[in-house]
Structure formats: structure tokens, C-alpha cells
Amino acid sequence: MNSFGITNAPAPARLSVGVVSAGRVGTALGAALERVGHVVVACSAVSEVSKHRASVRLPDSEILPVDEVAGRCNLLLLAVPDTELESLVAGLAATSVVKPGTIVLHVSGAHGINILAPLAEQGAVPLAVHPAMTFTGHDEDTARLASTCFGITAADEIGYAIAQALVLEIGGEPVRVSEQMRPLYHAALAHGSNHLVTLVADAVEALRVALAGDELLGQQIVDGAPGGVAERVLQPLLTAALDNVLRRGPSALTGPVARGDADTVATHLQVLDDADPQIAAGYRAMSLRSAQRTGSKPELMEILERADHGE
């Protein structure tokens, strides 16, 4: 049992929480912690947007400078962009405002606990706890945390027990990630989530071109506004494809590449190039990767690899 009364099993003692800063992630996690009995005593906010977000989502929290936030809590939540984390930690260490024994938790996916070393050397308990979720800045963010996995990294088993207890308490699922594997963990999440957005946006754009001008009587006009006909056509297909691959793995792949239909893929590349060469390039790259996964027919591989070299 440590100074906060935490062992390997029970939920953590009630903590006074400081949040730096009041962005989408920080306020969502702060609100989630308050729902289970912890108290966000202070948070930092600079812009008017972040101050408003803090007043709405953490109404009982006092908005203070970073050094004062750090000195008032026994759980310090660092929710700043990855590029700002190292300098923030260095500044906190230089001013010695973090009391020994304070749990210092950052939410960066790309970093483990090494980046918190200056504070750990001063007696802080370093934790990296990353929610594998995208945040919108609205109330649904906090609700989604209850079904989110968190990549946790700690210095020792006591640290892992603290991180695990906090995640379980707000309804999430803790997943252990070693320090050396944090970059690969983050790359996998970015590849899946960020590139999915680009993939879907390209598909929507191409479908809008295909459907525009031939609307049925009374049908919504196909234009560039989100949530239109193209999105409604794609949504059930994309939802089913995502569900299938998560349930069944690569065997869920269907379509012309999976069938080795070289003629259809060649036609796709041509019409997509006519619509937008950049979309065609994305289609080719994903088709090539899909063909490699399925061990596709040589003639299809030849078409895709030839296109890859600009021939």
C-alpha cells in the first residue's frame, strides 16, 4: 500500500486533481474522474475557448497558472499536445512546484514515462495513460471513456496498479504498453484512425462525383455538405466492413482485389484518376497493400506495381 492507500486491487483513494490544460482531453478526463468521486481542484486555461470549456465541464475547478495548479494536487494530469510536453515537464521540474509523492500522469500516446524523468527524480510517481479515443470537445467525450481502452506505462508494479485502478474506476479498460513499444503503439493507432478519416473522405468525394446530377425526383441534391446522400450510401457498408475485420480479421476483405479481378481494378484506377489523381493514388496504395495481404494474382500485382512506379 502506498501513501495514497492504493494496493494492487482496490480503487484509488479520493484524489485532488490538477489539470494542465483545459483542452478536449483534459476536461473529459477531469470530468470522468469527478464522476467517480475525485475532485478537480484547479486547472490551467489560457484561451477564451479553454476557459469556457473549463467553466462548463469543470465548474467547481479554479482556473490558475500552471505552477499553482501543480502545487495544489496529488494527481497532476498533463493533457497538453505532444510537442509541448517535454518543455512543460522541464519547467515544472525547474521550479520544483510538484510535491514529492504526487502522481504525474500524461495522456500522450507517443511517449512513455521517460519524458517525466525530471519530475520522477524529484519524487513524483510517473504514469503514461493514453485514451485510445478521438475527442470532439463535447459531453459525449466523457461518456465514451467508459468503453475506451487506455495504453498505460509505469515505472514499476505499484505505478501500474495506480494506473490500472484509475482507468478501471472511470469504466475504461487498461492495456499495458512497455516503454520501448510506445512509439509503435501510437503509430498503429494513428495509422488506423487518422488514415481511416482520409480514406472515407476520399471515398465520399469520389461518390459525390459519381452521383451528382442524376438525383431521383424528390431526392436530396448531391453537394459538398456533410451528411448527404454519399455519406448515407457509404455508412452501412463501412460500418459492416469495420465490424467484420475487427471480428474476423483479414478474411473480411472482399471486392475486386480479394477476387484478383485485375480488369476491374484497372478500370477503377482509370476512372478515379479522371476524377482526382490523388484519390487514385490512395486507392492504388491501399489496393497494393490489400493484394500483398491476400497473395493476389500476378497480373493484378503487375498493374498495381506498375502504377506505383508511374508507368
Protein backbone atom coordinates (compact mmCIF):
# COMPACT_ATOMS: atom_id res chain seq x y z
CA MET A 1 0.00 0.00 0.00
CA ASN A 2 1.40 3.41 -0.94
CA SER A 3 0.83 6.85 0.60
CA PHE A 4 -2.49 7.18 -1.22
CA GLY A 5 -3.83 3.94 0.25
CA ILE A 6 -3.63 2.07 -3.07
CA THR A 7 -2.81 -1.60 -3.28
CA ASN A 8 -2.84 -3.87 -6.32
CA ALA A 9 -6.61 -4.32 -6.28
CA PRO A 10 -8.86 -1.63 -4.79
CA ALA A 11 -9.95 1.63 -6.33
CA PRO A 12 -7.68 4.59 -5.53
CA ALA A 13 -8.30 6.89 -2.59
CA ARG A 14 -10.08 10.16 -3.33
CA LEU A 15 -7.57 12.39 -5.08
CA SER A 16 -7.27 16.11 -5.53
CA VAL A 17 -6.68 16.56 -9.25
CA GLY A 18 -4.96 19.33 -11.17
CA VAL A 19 -5.40 19.53 -14.95
CA VAL A 20 -2.92 21.11 -17.36
CA SER A 21 -4.55 22.17 -19.60
CA ALA A 22 -8.31 22.58 -20.15
CA GLY A 23 -8.38 21.15 -23.67
CA ARG A 24 -10.67 18.45 -25.02
CA VAL A 25 -8.83 15.53 -23.41
CA GLY A 26 -8.00 17.19 -20.10
CA THR A 27 -11.56 18.34 -19.40
CA ALA A 28 -13.05 14.99 -20.47
CA LEU A 29 -10.76 13.05 -18.14
CA GLY A 30 -11.21 15.57 -15.38
CA ALA A 31 -14.99 15.26 -15.63
CA ALA A 32 -14.72 11.45 -15.68
CA LEU A 33 -12.60 11.48 -12.52
CA GLU A 34 -15.04 13.80 -10.78
CA ARG A 35 -17.93 11.47 -11.62
CA VAL A 36 -16.27 8.75 -9.55
CA GLY A 37 -15.54 10.97 -6.57
CA HIS A 38 -12.19 12.63 -7.21
CA VAL A 39 -12.06 16.43 -7.07
CA VAL A 40 -10.54 18.62 -9.79
CA VAL A 41 -9.31 21.45 -7.60
CA ALA A 42 -7.62 23.51 -10.29
CA CYS A 43 -6.90 23.64 -14.00
CA SER A 44 -4.93 25.87 -16.33
CA ALA A 45 -6.56 27.59 -19.29
CA VAL A 46 -5.20 30.36 -21.49
CA SER A 47 -7.55 30.90 -24.42
CA GLU A 48 -11.12 32.07 -24.06
CA VAL A 49 -12.26 28.78 -25.59
CA SER A 50 -10.42 26.71 -23.00
CA LYS A 51 -11.62 28.94 -20.16
CA HIS A 52 -15.19 28.48 -21.32
CA ARG A 53 -14.69 24.72 -21.66
CA ALA A 54 -13.32 24.56 -18.13
CA SER A 55 -16.22 26.57 -16.72
CA VAL A 56 -18.74 24.26 -18.37
CA ARG A 57 -17.15 20.87 -17.85
CA LEU A 58 -15.27 21.52 -14.60
CA PRO A 59 -17.39 24.23 -12.97
CA ASP A 60 -16.01 23.73 -9.46
CA SER A 61 -12.40 23.91 -10.58
CA GLU A 62 -10.40 27.09 -10.06
CA ILE A 63 -8.55 28.38 -13.14
CA LEU A 64 -4.96 29.08 -12.12
CA PRO A 65 -1.45 29.39 -13.59
CA VAL A 66 0.29 26.09 -14.27
CA ASP A 67 2.65 26.28 -11.30
CA GLU A 68 -0.22 26.88 -8.89
CA VAL A 69 -2.23 24.00 -10.39
CA ALA A 70 0.76 21.69 -9.92
CA GLY A 71 1.23 22.68 -6.30
CA ARG A 72 -2.39 22.10 -5.21
CA CYS A 73 -2.96 18.47 -6.21
CA ASN A 74 -1.83 14.93 -5.56
CA LEU A 75 -2.77 13.81 -9.09
CA LEU A 76 -1.41 16.12 -11.78
CA LEU A 77 -2.90 15.43 -15.21
CA LEU A 78 -0.79 16.76 -18.09
CA ALA A 79 -3.02 16.99 -21.15
CA VAL A 80 -1.01 19.18 -23.49
CA PRO A 81 -0.01 18.47 -27.12
CA ASP A 82 2.89 16.04 -27.55
CA THR A 83 5.16 18.82 -28.80
CA GLU A 84 4.67 20.82 -25.59
CA LEU A 85 5.04 18.02 -23.05
CA GLU A 86 8.83 17.98 -22.71
CA SER A 87 9.12 21.73 -22.12
CA LEU A 88 6.21 21.65 -19.66
CA VAL A 89 7.88 18.91 -17.62
CA ALA A 90 11.20 20.76 -17.71
CA GLY A 91 9.54 23.94 -16.46
CA LEU A 92 7.75 22.15 -13.64
CA ALA A 93 10.98 20.45 -12.58
CA ALA A 94 12.95 23.69 -12.70
CA THR A 95 10.52 25.41 -10.33
CA SER A 96 10.12 22.37 -8.01
CA VAL A 97 6.39 23.04 -7.65
CA VAL A 98 5.37 19.37 -7.83
CA LYS A 99 5.39 17.89 -4.34
CA PRO A 100 7.14 14.54 -3.80
CA GLY A 101 4.64 11.69 -3.94
CA THR A 102 2.41 13.46 -6.48
CA ILE A 103 1.11 11.21 -9.24
CA VAL A 104 2.05 12.89 -12.51
CA LEU A 105 0.08 11.43 -15.39
CA HIS A 106 0.37 12.44 -19.02
CA VAL A 107 -2.03 11.38 -21.78
CA SER A 108 0.32 11.32 -24.77
CA GLY A 109 0.18 8.18 -26.86
CA ALA A 110 3.61 8.72 -28.37
CA HIS A 111 5.52 8.99 -25.07
CA GLY A 112 6.05 6.66 -22.16
CA ILE A 113 7.34 7.71 -18.75
CA ASN A 114 10.90 8.63 -19.73
CA ILE A 115 9.70 12.10 -20.63
CA LEU A 116 8.61 12.53 -17.00
CA ALA A 117 12.07 11.65 -15.64
CA PRO A 118 12.86 15.19 -14.36
CA LEU A 119 9.77 15.05 -12.11
CA ALA A 120 10.31 11.41 -11.14
CA GLU A 121 13.78 12.38 -9.92
CA GLN A 122 12.08 14.85 -7.57
CA GLY A 123 9.87 12.14 -6.09
CA ALA A 124 6.82 12.20 -8.37
CA VAL A 125 5.11 8.98 -9.45
CA PRO A 126 5.27 8.95 -13.29
CA LEU A 127 2.43 7.47 -15.35
CA ALA A 128 1.63 7.47 -19.06
CA VAL A 129 -2.09 6.82 -19.54
CA HIS A 130 -3.33 7.30 -23.09
CA PRO A 131 -7.02 7.01 -24.02
CA ALA A 132 -7.31 5.33 -27.42
CA MET A 133 -10.14 7.62 -28.45
CA THR A 134 -10.70 10.73 -30.54
CA PHE A 135 -12.14 13.75 -28.74
CA THR A 136 -14.62 16.32 -30.04
CA GLY A 137 -14.78 18.72 -27.10
CA HIS A 138 -18.39 17.82 -26.29
CA ASP A 139 -20.08 15.92 -23.46
CA GLU A 140 -20.01 12.62 -25.35
CA ASP A 141 -16.23 12.53 -24.85
CA THR A 142 -16.61 11.73 -21.16
CA ALA A 143 -19.29 9.13 -21.83
CA ARG A 144 -17.09 7.39 -24.42
CA LEU A 145 -14.28 6.94 -21.93
CA ALA A 146 -16.34 4.21 -20.27
CA SER A 147 -15.82 2.00 -23.33
CA THR A 148 -12.28 3.09 -24.19
CA CYS A 149 -9.01 1.22 -23.86
CA PHE A 150 -6.12 3.10 -22.24
CA GLY A 151 -2.47 2.36 -23.00
CA ILE A 152 -0.69 2.51 -19.63
CA THR A 153 3.04 2.66 -18.89
CA ALA A 154 4.57 2.96 -15.44
CA ALA A 155 7.93 2.64 -13.70
CA ASP A 156 7.02 -0.33 -11.51
CA GLU A 157 4.17 -2.57 -10.42
CA ILE A 158 2.90 -0.01 -7.91
CA GLY A 159 2.65 2.52 -10.72
CA TYR A 160 0.83 0.03 -12.92
CA ALA A 161 -1.57 -0.70 -10.07
CA ILE A 162 -2.36 3.00 -9.68
CA ALA A 163 -2.88 3.49 -13.43
CA GLN A 164 -4.99 0.35 -13.70
CA ALA A 165 -7.17 1.35 -10.76
CA LEU A 166 -7.80 4.84 -12.14
CA VAL A 167 -8.74 3.52 -15.59
CA LEU A 168 -10.99 0.80 -14.23
CA GLU A 169 -12.65 3.27 -11.91
CA ILE A 170 -13.82 5.50 -14.78
CA GLY A 171 -15.00 2.43 -16.71
CA GLY A 172 -12.15 2.06 -19.18
CA GLU A 173 -10.00 -0.96 -20.00
CA PRO A 174 -6.28 -0.67 -19.14
CA VAL A 175 -3.80 -2.17 -21.59
CA ARG A 176 -0.14 -2.47 -20.62
CA VAL A 177 2.34 -0.94 -23.10
CA SER A 178 6.08 -1.18 -22.46
CA GLU A 179 8.19 1.96 -22.66
CA GLN A 180 10.02 0.88 -25.80
CA MET A 181 6.80 -0.01 -27.60
CA ARG A 182 5.02 3.32 -27.07
CA PRO A 183 6.05 4.71 -30.49
CA LEU A 184 4.81 1.58 -32.31
CA TYR A 185 1.62 1.57 -30.23
CA HIS A 186 0.99 5.18 -31.20
CA ALA A 187 1.85 4.59 -34.86
CA ALA A 188 -0.66 1.74 -35.05
CA LEU A 189 -3.44 3.89 -33.59
CA ALA A 190 -2.62 6.83 -35.87
CA HIS A 191 -2.48 4.57 -38.92
CA GLY A 192 -5.87 3.09 -38.13
CA SER A 193 -7.80 6.16 -37.02
CA ASN A 194 -6.24 9.07 -38.89
CA HIS A 195 -5.90 7.28 -42.21
CA LEU A 196 -9.42 5.92 -41.91
CA VAL A 197 -10.67 9.51 -41.95
CA THR A 198 -8.69 10.25 -45.11
CA LEU A 199 -9.85 7.02 -46.74
CA VAL A 200 -13.51 7.69 -46.02
CA ALA A 201 -13.23 11.35 -47.06
CA ASP A 202 -11.75 10.25 -50.41
CA ALA A 203 -14.50 7.66 -50.91
CA VAL A 204 -17.17 10.26 -50.15
CA GLU A 205 -15.62 12.74 -52.58
CA ALA A 206 -15.47 10.20 -55.41
CA LEU A 207 -19.02 9.03 -54.75
CA ARG A 208 -20.32 12.59 -54.85
CA VAL A 209 -18.85 12.96 -58.33
CA ALA A 210 -20.47 9.66 -59.37
CA LEU A 211 -23.92 10.59 -58.03
CA ALA A 212 -24.22 14.32 -58.68
CA GLY A 213 -26.62 15.42 -61.40
CA ASP A 214 -28.64 12.20 -61.58
CA GLU A 215 -30.75 12.59 -58.46
CA LEU A 216 -34.18 10.98 -58.43
CA LEU A 217 -37.26 13.18 -58.22
CA GLY A 218 -37.53 14.50 -54.67
CA GLN A 219 -34.10 13.20 -53.71
CA GLN A 220 -31.63 15.39 -51.83
CA ILE A 221 -29.24 17.18 -54.18
CA VAL A 222 -25.72 15.77 -54.04
CA ASP A 223 -23.37 18.55 -52.98
CA GLY A 224 -20.37 19.09 -50.73
CA ALA A 225 -22.30 19.39 -47.47
CA PRO A 226 -21.52 16.63 -44.93
CA GLY A 227 -24.16 14.09 -44.01
CA GLY A 228 -25.60 13.86 -47.50
CA VAL A 229 -26.52 11.12 -49.94
CA ALA A 230 -22.94 9.91 -50.45
CA GLU A 231 -22.42 9.51 -46.71
CA ARG A 232 -25.71 7.61 -46.34
CA VAL A 233 -24.74 5.23 -49.14
CA LEU A 234 -21.37 4.53 -47.55
CA GLN A 235 -22.30 4.36 -43.87
CA PRO A 236 -23.82 0.86 -43.66
CA LEU A 237 -21.13 -0.55 -45.95
CA LEU A 238 -18.29 0.99 -43.96
CA THR A 239 -19.85 0.05 -40.63
CA ALA A 240 -20.20 -3.58 -41.73
CA ALA A 241 -16.65 -3.68 -43.11
CA LEU A 242 -15.18 -2.31 -39.87
CA ASP A 243 -17.21 -4.69 -37.75
CA ASN A 244 -16.24 -7.64 -39.95
CA VAL A 245 -12.49 -7.01 -39.85
CA LEU A 246 -12.48 -6.46 -36.08
CA ARG A 247 -14.42 -9.69 -35.59
CA ARG A 248 -12.90 -11.88 -38.30
CA GLY A 249 -9.55 -10.38 -39.22
CA PRO A 250 -8.16 -10.06 -42.77
CA SER A 251 -10.56 -12.74 -44.05
CA ALA A 252 -13.20 -9.99 -44.01
CA LEU A 253 -11.64 -8.45 -47.14
CA THR A 254 -14.00 -8.59 -50.12
CA GLY A 255 -14.17 -6.90 -53.51
CA PRO A 256 -12.10 -6.95 -56.70
CA VAL A 257 -8.67 -7.09 -55.06
CA ALA A 258 -9.66 -10.05 -52.89
CA ARG A 259 -11.01 -11.77 -56.04
CA GLY A 260 -7.91 -10.92 -58.06
CA ASP A 261 -10.05 -9.08 -60.62
CA ALA A 262 -7.32 -7.19 -62.47
CA ASP A 263 -9.62 -5.71 -65.12
CA THR A 264 -11.95 -4.13 -62.57
CA VAL A 265 -9.08 -2.70 -60.54
CA ALA A 266 -7.54 -1.24 -63.70
CA THR A 267 -10.87 0.40 -64.54
CA HIS A 268 -11.13 1.78 -61.01
CA LEU A 269 -7.68 3.32 -61.28
CA GLN A 270 -8.61 4.97 -64.59
CA VAL A 271 -11.93 6.48 -63.52
CA LEU A 272 -10.54 7.62 -60.17
CA ASP A 273 -7.61 9.24 -61.94
CA ASP A 274 -10.08 11.09 -64.16
CA ALA A 275 -11.99 12.28 -61.06
CA ASP A 276 -8.96 13.09 -58.88
CA PRO A 277 -5.42 11.71 -59.38
CA GLN A 278 -4.69 11.97 -55.66
CA ILE A 279 -7.66 9.77 -54.79
CA ALA A 280 -6.47 7.30 -57.45
CA ALA A 281 -3.03 7.25 -55.83
CA GLY A 282 -4.57 6.46 -52.45
CA TYR A 283 -6.70 3.69 -53.98
CA ARG A 284 -3.65 2.18 -55.66
CA ALA A 285 -1.60 2.22 -52.45
CA MET A 286 -4.35 0.56 -50.42
CA SER A 287 -5.09 -1.93 -53.21
CA LEU A 288 -1.43 -2.91 -53.37
CA ARG A 289 -1.32 -3.48 -49.62
CA SER A 290 -4.57 -5.49 -49.80
CA ALA A 291 -3.16 -7.56 -52.68
CA GLN A 292 0.00 -8.25 -50.70
CA ARG A 293 -2.08 -9.45 -47.76
CA THR A 294 -4.15 -11.80 -49.93
CA GLY A 295 -1.32 -13.06 -52.13
CA SER A 296 -3.19 -11.85 -55.17
CA LYS A 297 -2.77 -12.91 -58.80
CA PRO A 298 0.42 -11.84 -60.60
CA GLU A 299 -1.47 -9.86 -63.25
CA LEU A 300 -3.13 -7.74 -60.57
CA MET A 301 0.13 -7.20 -58.73
CA GLU A 302 1.72 -6.13 -62.00
CA ILE A 303 -0.97 -3.48 -62.62
CA LEU A 304 -0.64 -2.07 -59.11
CA GLU A 305 3.15 -2.11 -59.02
CA ARG A 306 3.34 -0.56 -62.49
CA ALA A 307 1.07 2.25 -61.33
CA ASP A 308 3.21 2.61 -58.24
CA HIS A 309 6.21 3.42 -60.42
CA GLY A 310 4.24 5.87 -62.56
CA GLU A 311 4.28 3.69 -65.66
